[in-house]
Amino acid sequence: MVNLKKSDEFKNVIPSKIFENIAMYKPILLGVEGESKELIENYEVGFCFQPENKESFLNAIKDIQNIDKGLFKVNCNKMLVDFDRNNIAENLIKFIV
């Protein structure tokens, strides 16, 4: 679970615990808006809820219990490859050169 206070300051951060949980194949329950939310939704590796919204949180808990484990694992693997530091470094070098 990644839960931060509702604030514009958190819209441009990606908490590192997201990547740690994905590496352990643990679905994310995310209460953060902005880039983190887009990441979780685009890769379909968890469920998001509105920060400081009890009803949204309870709905996300219900949703995460029904996650498709096979698809989830495939999505985790894709995210792990896309955010692997070696791959990112190689892509940066290719971009610079």
PDB file of N, CA and C in Angstrom:
ATOM      1  N   MET A   1       0.838  -1.174   0.000  1.00  0.00           N
ATOM      2  CA  MET A   1       0.000   0.000   0.000  1.00  0.00           C
ATOM      3  C   MET A   1       0.881   1.234   0.000  1.00  0.00           C
ATOM      4  N   VAL A   2       0.548   2.139  -0.891  1.00  0.00           N
ATOM      5  CA  VAL A   2       1.225   3.427  -0.978  1.00  0.00           C
ATOM      6  C   VAL A   2       0.156   4.484  -0.775  1.00  0.00           C
ATOM      7  N   ASN A   3       0.224   5.168   0.335  1.00  0.00           N
ATOM      8  CA  ASN A   3      -0.803   6.144   0.675  1.00  0.00           C
ATOM      9  C   ASN A   3      -0.133   7.429   1.142  1.00  0.00           C
ATOM     10  N   LEU A   4      -0.352   8.498   0.399  1.00  0.00           N
ATOM     11  CA  LEU A   4       0.209   9.791   0.772  1.00  0.00           C
ATOM     12  C   LEU A   4      -0.908  10.813   0.921  1.00  0.00           C
ATOM     13  N   LYS A   5      -0.629  11.845   1.649  1.00  0.00           N
ATOM     14  CA  LYS A   5      -1.581  12.924   1.860  1.00  0.00           C
ATOM     15  C   LYS A   5      -1.952  13.554   0.519  1.00  0.00           C
ATOM     16  N   LYS A   6      -3.203  13.985   0.401  1.00  0.00           N
ATOM     17  CA  LYS A   6      -3.659  14.638  -0.827  1.00  0.00           C
ATOM     18  C   LYS A   6      -2.966  15.995  -0.938  1.00  0.00           C
ATOM     19  N   SER A   7      -2.073  16.102  -1.920  1.00  0.00           N
ATOM     20  CA  SER A   7      -1.288  17.325  -2.084  1.00  0.00           C
ATOM     21  C   SER A   7      -0.718  17.372  -3.498  1.00  0.00           C
ATOM     22  N   ASP A   8      -0.691  18.554  -4.063  1.00  0.00           N
ATOM     23  CA  ASP A   8      -0.090  18.726  -5.391  1.00  0.00           C
ATOM     24  C   ASP A   8       1.401  18.377  -5.390  1.00  0.00           C
ATOM     25  N   GLU A   9       2.040  18.477  -4.240  1.00  0.00           N
ATOM     26  CA  GLU A   9       3.476  18.180  -4.140  1.00  0.00           C
ATOM     27  C   GLU A   9       3.790  16.722  -4.466  1.00  0.00           C
ATOM     28  N   PHE A  10       2.838  15.835  -4.253  1.00  0.00           N
ATOM     29  CA  PHE A  10       3.073  14.415  -4.496  1.00  0.00           C
ATOM     30  C   PHE A  10       2.706  13.973  -5.909  1.00  0.00           C
ATOM     31  N   LYS A  11       2.189  14.875  -6.722  1.00  0.00           N
ATOM     32  CA  LYS A  11       1.755  14.497  -8.065  1.00  0.00           C
ATOM     33  C   LYS A  11       2.915  14.162  -8.997  1.00  0.00           C
ATOM     34  N   ASN A  12       4.108  14.640  -8.686  1.00  0.00           N
ATOM     35  CA  ASN A  12       5.263  14.422  -9.562  1.00  0.00           C
ATOM     36  C   ASN A  12       6.300  13.488  -8.960  1.00  0.00           C
ATOM     37  N   VAL A  13       5.905  12.677  -7.996  1.00  0.00           N
ATOM     38  CA  VAL A  13       6.841  11.734  -7.387  1.00  0.00           C
ATOM     39  C   VAL A  13       6.373  10.309  -7.638  1.00  0.00           C
ATOM     40  N   ILE A  14       7.325   9.400  -7.663  1.00  0.00           N
ATOM     41  CA  ILE A  14       7.017   7.977  -7.761  1.00  0.00           C
ATOM     42  C   ILE A  14       7.714   7.307  -6.575  1.00  0.00           C
ATOM     43  N   PRO A  15       6.966   6.944  -5.545  1.00  0.00           N
ATOM     44  CA  PRO A  15       7.575   6.313  -4.374  1.00  0.00           C
ATOM     45  C   PRO A  15       8.298   5.019  -4.745  1.00  0.00           C
ATOM     46  N   SER A  16       9.497   4.847  -4.219  1.00  0.00           N
ATOM     47  CA  SER A  16      10.308   3.680  -4.567  1.00  0.00           C
ATOM     48  C   SER A  16       9.657   2.373  -4.133  1.00  0.00           C
ATOM     49  N   LYS A  17       8.798   2.405  -3.113  1.00  0.00           N
ATOM     50  CA  LYS A  17       8.167   1.164  -2.662  1.00  0.00           C
ATOM     51  C   LYS A  17       7.292   0.543  -3.745  1.00  0.00           C
ATOM     52  N   ILE A  18       6.887   1.324  -4.741  1.00  0.00           N
ATOM     53  CA  ILE A  18       6.128   0.765  -5.860  1.00  0.00           C
ATOM     54  C   ILE A  18       6.978  -0.281  -6.575  1.00  0.00           C
ATOM     55  N   PHE A  19       8.209   0.077  -6.881  1.00  0.00           N
ATOM     56  CA  PHE A  19       9.091  -0.828  -7.619  1.00  0.00           C
ATOM     57  C   PHE A  19       9.484  -2.037  -6.759  1.00  0.00           C
ATOM     58  N   GLU A  20       9.679  -1.811  -5.477  1.00  0.00           N
ATOM     59  CA  GLU A  20      10.017  -2.915  -4.577  1.00  0.00           C
ATOM     60  C   GLU A  20       8.888  -3.933  -4.518  1.00  0.00           C
ATOM     61  N   ASN A  21       7.652  -3.457  -4.431  1.00  0.00           N
ATOM     62  CA  ASN A  21       6.510  -4.369  -4.378  1.00  0.00           C
ATOM     63  C   ASN A  21       6.296  -5.100  -5.691  1.00  0.00           C
ATOM     64  N   ILE A  22       6.499  -4.406  -6.791  1.00  0.00           N
ATOM     65  CA  ILE A  22       6.344  -5.050  -8.097  1.00  0.00           C
ATOM     66  C   ILE A  22       7.403  -6.137  -8.272  1.00  0.00           C
ATOM     67  N   ALA A  23       8.615  -5.891  -7.809  1.00  0.00           N
ATOM     68  CA  ALA A  23       9.679  -6.892  -7.903  1.00  0.00           C
ATOM     69  C   ALA A  23       9.346  -8.139  -7.088  1.00  0.00           C
ATOM     70  N   MET A  24       8.513  -7.984  -6.055  1.00  0.00           N
ATOM     71  CA  MET A  24       8.078  -9.120  -5.234  1.00  0.00           C
ATOM     72  C   MET A  24       6.705  -9.640  -5.672  1.00  0.00           C
ATOM     73  N   TYR A  25       6.207  -9.116  -6.797  1.00  0.00           N
ATOM     74  CA  TYR A  25       4.898  -9.494  -7.344  1.00  0.00           C
ATOM     75  C   TYR A  25       3.780  -9.290  -6.322  1.00  0.00           C
ATOM     76  N   LYS A  26       3.790  -8.117  -5.704  1.00  0.00           N
ATOM     77  CA  LYS A  26       2.744  -7.718  -4.762  1.00  0.00           C
ATOM     78  C   LYS A  26       1.937  -6.598  -5.406  1.00  0.00           C
ATOM     79  N   PRO A  27       0.635  -6.774  -5.566  1.00  0.00           N
ATOM     80  CA  PRO A  27      -0.180  -5.722  -6.186  1.00  0.00           C
ATOM     81  C   PRO A  27      -0.166  -4.438  -5.346  1.00  0.00           C
ATOM     82  N   ILE A  28      -0.237  -3.334  -6.030  1.00  0.00           N
ATOM     83  CA  ILE A  28      -0.171  -2.026  -5.393  1.00  0.00           C
ATOM     84  C   ILE A  28      -1.582  -1.519  -5.102  1.00  0.00           C
ATOM     85  N   LEU A  29      -1.758  -1.017  -3.914  1.00  0.00           N
ATOM     86  CA  LEU A  29      -2.957  -0.289  -3.524  1.00  0.00           C
ATOM     87  C   LEU A  29      -2.488   1.140  -3.330  1.00  0.00           C
ATOM     88  N   LEU A  30      -2.812   2.010  -4.292  1.00  0.00           N
ATOM     89  CA  LEU A  30      -2.188   3.334  -4.368  1.00  0.00           C
ATOM     90  C   LEU A  30      -3.158   4.458  -4.046  1.00  0.00           C
ATOM     91  N   GLY A  31      -2.782   5.284  -3.085  1.00  0.00           N
ATOM     92  CA  GLY A  31      -3.543   6.470  -2.734  1.00  0.00           C
ATOM     93  C   GLY A  31      -2.726   7.712  -2.995  1.00  0.00           C
ATOM     94  N   VAL A  32      -2.320   7.882  -4.253  1.00  0.00           N
ATOM     95  CA  VAL A  32      -1.527   9.035  -4.675  1.00  0.00           C
ATOM     96  C   VAL A  32      -2.018   9.438  -6.057  1.00  0.00           C
ATOM     97  N   GLU A  33      -2.080  10.716  -6.318  1.00  0.00           N
ATOM     98  CA  GLU A  33      -2.490  11.191  -7.640  1.00  0.00           C
ATOM     99  C   GLU A  33      -1.254  11.519  -8.471  1.00  0.00           C
ATOM    100  N   GLY A  34      -1.443  11.713  -9.758  1.00  0.00           N
ATOM    101  CA  GLY A  34      -0.350  12.151 -10.618  1.00  0.00           C
ATOM    102  C   GLY A  34       0.382  11.014 -11.300  1.00  0.00           C
ATOM    103  N   GLU A  35       1.722  11.158 -11.391  1.00  0.00           N
ATOM    104  CA  GLU A  35       2.545  10.206 -12.141  1.00  0.00           C
ATOM    105  C   GLU A  35       2.438   8.784 -11.610  1.00  0.00           C
ATOM    106  N   SER A  36       2.415   8.636 -10.308  1.00  0.00           N
ATOM    107  CA  SER A  36       2.317   7.290  -9.720  1.00  0.00           C
ATOM    108  C   SER A  36       1.030   6.604 -10.133  1.00  0.00           C
ATOM    109  N   LYS A  37      -0.054   7.340 -10.094  1.00  0.00           N
ATOM    110  CA  LYS A  37      -1.351   6.784 -10.476  1.00  0.00           C
ATOM    111  C   LYS A  37      -1.333   6.354 -11.941  1.00  0.00           C
ATOM    112  N   GLU A  38      -0.785   7.187 -12.808  1.00  0.00           N
ATOM    113  CA  GLU A  38      -0.699   6.839 -14.230  1.00  0.00           C
ATOM    114  C   GLU A  38       0.113   5.566 -14.424  1.00  0.00           C
ATOM    115  N   LEU A  39       1.186   5.439 -13.689  1.00  0.00           N
ATOM    116  CA  LEU A  39       2.055   4.274 -13.788  1.00  0.00           C
ATOM    117  C   LEU A  39       1.303   2.998 -13.402  1.00  0.00           C
ATOM    118  N   ILE A  40       0.620   3.026 -12.278  1.00  0.00           N
ATOM    119  CA  ILE A  40      -0.113   1.853 -11.803  1.00  0.00           C
ATOM    120  C   ILE A  40      -1.244   1.497 -12.769  1.00  0.00           C
ATOM    121  N   GLU A  41      -1.944   2.501 -13.250  1.00  0.00           N
ATOM    122  CA  GLU A  41      -3.055   2.245 -14.174  1.00  0.00           C
ATOM    123  C   GLU A  41      -2.558   1.782 -15.537  1.00  0.00           C
ATOM    124  N   ASN A  42      -1.506   2.389 -16.061  1.00  0.00           N
ATOM    125  CA  ASN A  42      -0.999   2.001 -17.381  1.00  0.00           C
ATOM    126  C   ASN A  42      -0.456   0.574 -17.400  1.00  0.00           C
ATOM    127  N   TYR A  43       0.234   0.193 -16.349  1.00  0.00           N
ATOM    128  CA  TYR A  43       0.792  -1.161 -16.283  1.00  0.00           C
ATOM    129  C   TYR A  43      -0.188  -2.173 -15.684  1.00  0.00           C
ATOM    130  N   GLU A  44      -1.290  -1.697 -15.140  1.00  0.00           N
ATOM    131  CA  GLU A  44      -2.302  -2.559 -14.526  1.00  0.00           C
ATOM    132  C   GLU A  44      -1.689  -3.481 -13.467  1.00  0.00           C
ATOM    133  N   VAL A  45      -0.966  -2.864 -12.527  1.00  0.00           N
ATOM    134  CA  VAL A  45      -0.288  -3.621 -11.470  1.00  0.00           C
ATOM    135  C   VAL A  45      -0.877  -3.330 -10.085  1.00  0.00           C
ATOM    136  N   GLY A  46      -2.083  -2.827 -10.054  1.00  0.00           N
ATOM    137  CA  GLY A  46      -2.724  -2.544  -8.781  1.00  0.00           C
ATOM    138  C   GLY A  46      -3.962  -1.700  -8.993  1.00  0.00           C
ATOM    139  N   PHE A  47      -4.434  -1.140  -7.907  1.00  0.00           N
ATOM    140  CA  PHE A  47      -5.634  -0.311  -7.950  1.00  0.00           C
ATOM    141  C   PHE A  47      -5.383   0.985  -7.200  1.00  0.00           C
ATOM    142  N   CYS A  48      -5.979   2.032  -7.714  1.00  0.00           N
ATOM    143  CA  CYS A  48      -5.784   3.361  -7.149  1.00  0.00           C
ATOM    144  C   CYS A  48      -7.042   3.823  -6.433  1.00  0.00           C
ATOM    145  N   PHE A  49      -6.834   4.617  -5.420  1.00  0.00           N
ATOM    146  CA  PHE A  49      -7.946   5.256  -4.731  1.00  0.00           C
ATOM    147  C   PHE A  49      -7.599   6.712  -4.489  1.00  0.00           C
ATOM    148  N   GLN A  50      -8.611   7.517  -4.323  1.00  0.00           N
ATOM    149  CA  GLN A  50      -8.393   8.944  -4.080  1.00  0.00           C
ATOM    150  C   GLN A  50      -7.860   9.123  -2.666  1.00  0.00           C
ATOM    151  N   PRO A  51      -6.760   9.850  -2.527  1.00  0.00           N
ATOM    152  CA  PRO A  51      -6.224  10.089  -1.185  1.00  0.00           C
ATOM    153  C   PRO A  51      -7.274  10.744  -0.289  1.00  0.00           C
ATOM    154  N   GLU A  52      -7.295  10.297   0.947  1.00  0.00           N
ATOM    155  CA  GLU A  52      -8.181  10.859   1.965  1.00  0.00           C
ATOM    156  C   GLU A  52      -9.666  10.633   1.659  1.00  0.00           C
ATOM    157  N   ASN A  53      -9.979   9.571   0.876  1.00  0.00           N
ATOM    158  CA  ASN A  53     -11.358   9.265   0.526  1.00  0.00           C
ATOM    159  C   ASN A  53     -11.654   7.822   0.960  1.00  0.00           C
ATOM    160  N   LYS A  54     -12.372   7.684   2.051  1.00  0.00           N
ATOM    161  CA  LYS A  54     -12.647   6.367   2.643  1.00  0.00           C
ATOM    162  C   LYS A  54     -13.377   5.444   1.674  1.00  0.00           C
ATOM    163  N   GLU A  55     -14.406   5.942   1.009  1.00  0.00           N
ATOM    164  CA  GLU A  55     -15.199   5.118   0.085  1.00  0.00           C
ATOM    165  C   GLU A  55     -14.345   4.618  -1.081  1.00  0.00           C
ATOM    166  N   SER A  56     -13.528   5.492  -1.625  1.00  0.00           N
ATOM    167  CA  SER A  56     -12.639   5.118  -2.724  1.00  0.00           C
ATOM    168  C   SER A  56     -11.647   4.048  -2.266  1.00  0.00           C
ATOM    169  N   PHE A  57     -11.140   4.197  -1.056  1.00  0.00           N
ATOM    170  CA  PHE A  57     -10.212   3.223  -0.484  1.00  0.00           C
ATOM    171  C   PHE A  57     -10.876   1.848  -0.329  1.00  0.00           C
ATOM    172  N   LEU A  58     -12.079   1.826   0.211  1.00  0.00           N
ATOM    173  CA  LEU A  58     -12.795   0.564   0.397  1.00  0.00           C
ATOM    174  C   LEU A  58     -13.091  -0.121  -0.934  1.00  0.00           C
ATOM    175  N   ASN A  59     -13.422   0.652  -1.949  1.00  0.00           N
ATOM    176  CA  ASN A  59     -13.654   0.094  -3.286  1.00  0.00           C
ATOM    177  C   ASN A  59     -12.376  -0.512  -3.858  1.00  0.00           C
ATOM    178  N   ALA A  60     -11.256   0.159  -3.652  1.00  0.00           N
ATOM    179  CA  ALA A  60      -9.975  -0.350  -4.155  1.00  0.00           C
ATOM    180  C   ALA A  60      -9.603  -1.658  -3.466  1.00  0.00           C
ATOM    181  N   ILE A  61      -9.910  -1.765  -2.183  1.00  0.00           N
ATOM    182  CA  ILE A  61      -9.642  -3.013  -1.455  1.00  0.00           C
ATOM    183  C   ILE A  61     -10.466  -4.151  -2.059  1.00  0.00           C
ATOM    184  N   LYS A  62     -11.707  -3.889  -2.376  1.00  0.00           N
ATOM    185  CA  LYS A  62     -12.554  -4.919  -3.003  1.00  0.00           C
ATOM    186  C   LYS A  62     -11.988  -5.318  -4.366  1.00  0.00           C
ATOM    187  N   ASP A  63     -11.570  -4.313  -5.141  1.00  0.00           N
ATOM    188  CA  ASP A  63     -11.049  -4.582  -6.489  1.00  0.00           C
ATOM    189  C   ASP A  63      -9.767  -5.413  -6.447  1.00  0.00           C
ATOM    190  N   ILE A  64      -8.884  -5.100  -5.520  1.00  0.00           N
ATOM    191  CA  ILE A  64      -7.579  -5.776  -5.490  1.00  0.00           C
ATOM    192  C   ILE A  64      -7.721  -7.255  -5.118  1.00  0.00           C
ATOM    193  N   GLN A  65      -8.786  -7.589  -4.435  1.00  0.00           N
ATOM    194  CA  GLN A  65      -9.017  -8.989  -4.063  1.00  0.00           C
ATOM    195  C   GLN A  65      -9.368  -9.852  -5.266  1.00  0.00           C
ATOM    196  N   ASN A  66      -9.798  -9.228  -6.350  1.00  0.00           N
ATOM    197  CA  ASN A  66     -10.200  -9.975  -7.550  1.00  0.00           C
ATOM    198  C   ASN A  66      -9.209  -9.824  -8.699  1.00  0.00           C
ATOM    199  N   ILE A  67      -7.983  -9.463  -8.397  1.00  0.00           N
ATOM    200  CA  ILE A  67      -6.986  -9.240  -9.444  1.00  0.00           C
ATOM    201  C   ILE A  67      -6.688 -10.555 -10.185  1.00  0.00           C
ATOM    202  N   ASP A  68      -6.540 -10.455 -11.491  1.00  0.00           N
ATOM    203  CA  ASP A  68      -6.169 -11.601 -12.320  1.00  0.00           C
ATOM    204  C   ASP A  68      -4.672 -11.845 -12.112  1.00  0.00           C
ATOM    205  N   LYS A  69      -4.329 -12.871 -11.362  1.00  0.00           N
ATOM    206  CA  LYS A  69      -2.936 -13.096 -10.965  1.00  0.00           C
ATOM    207  C   LYS A  69      -2.008 -13.377 -12.145  1.00  0.00           C
ATOM    208  N   GLY A  70      -2.510 -14.072 -13.162  1.00  0.00           N
ATOM    209  CA  GLY A  70      -1.681 -14.360 -14.335  1.00  0.00           C
ATOM    210  C   GLY A  70      -1.342 -13.095 -15.097  1.00  0.00           C
ATOM    211  N   LEU A  71      -2.344 -12.300 -15.399  1.00  0.00           N
ATOM    212  CA  LEU A  71      -2.123 -11.032 -16.104  1.00  0.00           C
ATOM    213  C   LEU A  71      -1.289 -10.087 -15.262  1.00  0.00           C
ATOM    214  N   PHE A  72      -1.535 -10.069 -13.966  1.00  0.00           N
ATOM    215  CA  PHE A  72      -0.775  -9.211 -13.061  1.00  0.00           C
ATOM    216  C   PHE A  72       0.718  -9.529 -13.146  1.00  0.00           C
ATOM    217  N   LYS A  73       1.069 -10.802 -13.128  1.00  0.00           N
ATOM    218  CA  LYS A  73       2.481 -11.191 -13.185  1.00  0.00           C
ATOM    219  C   LYS A  73       3.117 -10.768 -14.511  1.00  0.00           C
ATOM    220  N   VAL A  74       2.396 -10.933 -15.606  1.00  0.00           N
ATOM    221  CA  VAL A  74       2.890 -10.487 -16.918  1.00  0.00           C
ATOM    222  C   VAL A  74       3.137  -8.976 -16.898  1.00  0.00           C
ATOM    223  N   ASN A  75       2.188  -8.233 -16.326  1.00  0.00           N
ATOM    224  CA  ASN A  75       2.322  -6.777 -16.262  1.00  0.00           C
ATOM    225  C   ASN A  75       3.492  -6.357 -15.377  1.00  0.00           C
ATOM    226  N   CYS A  76       3.697  -7.073 -14.275  1.00  0.00           N
ATOM    227  CA  CYS A  76       4.843  -6.783 -13.408  1.00  0.00           C
ATOM    228  C   CYS A  76       6.150  -6.985 -14.170  1.00  0.00           C
ATOM    229  N   ASN A  77       6.237  -8.083 -14.889  1.00  0.00           N
ATOM    230  CA  ASN A  77       7.461  -8.369 -15.646  1.00  0.00           C
ATOM    231  C   ASN A  77       7.735  -7.279 -16.670  1.00  0.00           C
ATOM    232  N   LYS A  78       6.708  -6.795 -17.346  1.00  0.00           N
ATOM    233  CA  LYS A  78       6.888  -5.713 -18.320  1.00  0.00           C
ATOM    234  C   LYS A  78       7.389  -4.456 -17.625  1.00  0.00           C
ATOM    235  N   MET A  79       6.793  -4.127 -16.493  1.00  0.00           N
ATOM    236  CA  MET A  79       7.216  -2.935 -15.760  1.00  0.00           C
ATOM    237  C   MET A  79       8.659  -3.077 -15.266  1.00  0.00           C
ATOM    238  N   LEU A  80       9.017  -4.267 -14.802  1.00  0.00           N
ATOM    239  CA  LEU A  80      10.381  -4.492 -14.324  1.00  0.00           C
ATOM    240  C   LEU A  80      11.406  -4.309 -15.443  1.00  0.00           C
ATOM    241  N   VAL A  81      11.081  -4.758 -16.635  1.00  0.00           N
ATOM    242  CA  VAL A  81      11.985  -4.576 -17.777  1.00  0.00           C
ATOM    243  C   VAL A  81      12.068  -3.101 -18.157  1.00  0.00           C
ATOM    244  N   ASP A  82      10.919  -2.446 -18.224  1.00  0.00           N
ATOM    245  CA  ASP A  82      10.883  -1.043 -18.640  1.00  0.00           C
ATOM    246  C   ASP A  82      11.609  -0.121 -17.672  1.00  0.00           C
ATOM    247  N   PHE A  83      11.651  -0.484 -16.387  1.00  0.00           N
ATOM    248  CA  PHE A  83      12.284   0.380 -15.393  1.00  0.00           C
ATOM    249  C   PHE A  83      13.582  -0.193 -14.847  1.00  0.00           C
ATOM    250  N   ASP A  84      14.124  -1.202 -15.514  1.00  0.00           N
ATOM    251  CA  ASP A  84      15.419  -1.745 -15.131  1.00  0.00           C
ATOM    252  C   ASP A  84      16.492  -0.677 -15.355  1.00  0.00           C
ATOM    253  N   ARG A  85      17.317  -0.438 -14.360  1.00  0.00           N
ATOM    254  CA  ARG A  85      18.329   0.632 -14.460  1.00  0.00           C
ATOM    255  C   ARG A  85      19.290   0.424 -15.629  1.00  0.00           C
ATOM    256  N   ASN A  86      19.630  -0.818 -15.899  1.00  0.00           N
ATOM    257  CA  ASN A  86      20.531  -1.083 -17.023  1.00  0.00           C
ATOM    258  C   ASN A  86      19.871  -0.712 -18.347  1.00  0.00           C
ATOM    259  N   ASN A  87      18.604  -1.065 -18.502  1.00  0.00           N
ATOM    260  CA  ASN A  87      17.884  -0.716 -19.730  1.00  0.00           C
ATOM    261  C   ASN A  87      17.719   0.793 -19.869  1.00  0.00           C
ATOM    262  N   ILE A  88      17.428   1.441 -18.773  1.00  0.00           N
ATOM    263  CA  ILE A  88      17.286   2.903 -18.805  1.00  0.00           C
ATOM    264  C   ILE A  88      18.613   3.546 -19.198  1.00  0.00           C
ATOM    265  N   ALA A  89      19.713   3.056 -18.627  1.00  0.00           N
ATOM    266  CA  ALA A  89      21.035   3.608 -18.948  1.00  0.00           C
ATOM    267  C   ALA A  89      21.381   3.383 -20.418  1.00  0.00           C
ATOM    268  N   GLU A  90      21.100   2.186 -20.924  1.00  0.00           N
ATOM    269  CA  GLU A  90      21.374   1.903 -22.339  1.00  0.00           C
ATOM    270  C   GLU A  90      20.566   2.816 -23.253  1.00  0.00           C
ATOM    271  N   ASN A  91      19.302   3.012 -22.930  1.00  0.00           N
ATOM    272  CA  ASN A  91      18.457   3.898 -23.740  1.00  0.00           C
ATOM    273  C   ASN A  91      18.945   5.338 -23.683  1.00  0.00           C
ATOM    274  N   LEU A  92      19.427   5.761 -22.537  1.00  0.00           N
ATOM    275  CA  LEU A  92      19.966   7.117 -22.405  1.00  0.00           C
ATOM    276  C   LEU A  92      21.217   7.284 -23.255  1.00  0.00           C
ATOM    277  N   ILE A  93      22.090   6.286 -23.233  1.00  0.00           N
ATOM    278  CA  ILE A  93      23.301   6.332 -24.056  1.00  0.00           C
ATOM    279  C   ILE A  93      22.937   6.381 -25.542  1.00  0.00           C
ATOM    280  N   LYS A  94      21.989   5.558 -25.950  1.00  0.00           N
ATOM    281  CA  LYS A  94      21.543   5.560 -27.358  1.00  0.00           C
ATOM    282  C   LYS A  94      20.971   6.928 -27.738  1.00  0.00           C
ATOM    283  N   PHE A  95      20.269   7.534 -26.833  1.00  0.00           N
ATOM    284  CA  PHE A  95      19.672   8.853 -27.091  1.00  0.00           C
ATOM    285  C   PHE A  95      20.758   9.906 -27.232  1.00  0.00           C
ATOM    286  N   ILE A  96      21.765   9.851 -26.384  1.00  0.00           N
ATOM    287  CA  ILE A  96      22.832  10.858 -26.408  1.00  0.00           C
ATOM    288  C   ILE A  96      23.698  10.702 -27.651  1.00  0.00           C
ATOM    289  N   VAL A  97      24.010   9.455 -28.000  1.00  0.00           N
ATOM    290  CA  VAL A  97      24.886   9.183 -29.132  1.00  0.00           C
ATOM    291  C   VAL A  97      24.089   9.318 -30.367  1.00  0.00           C
TER     292      VAL A  97
END
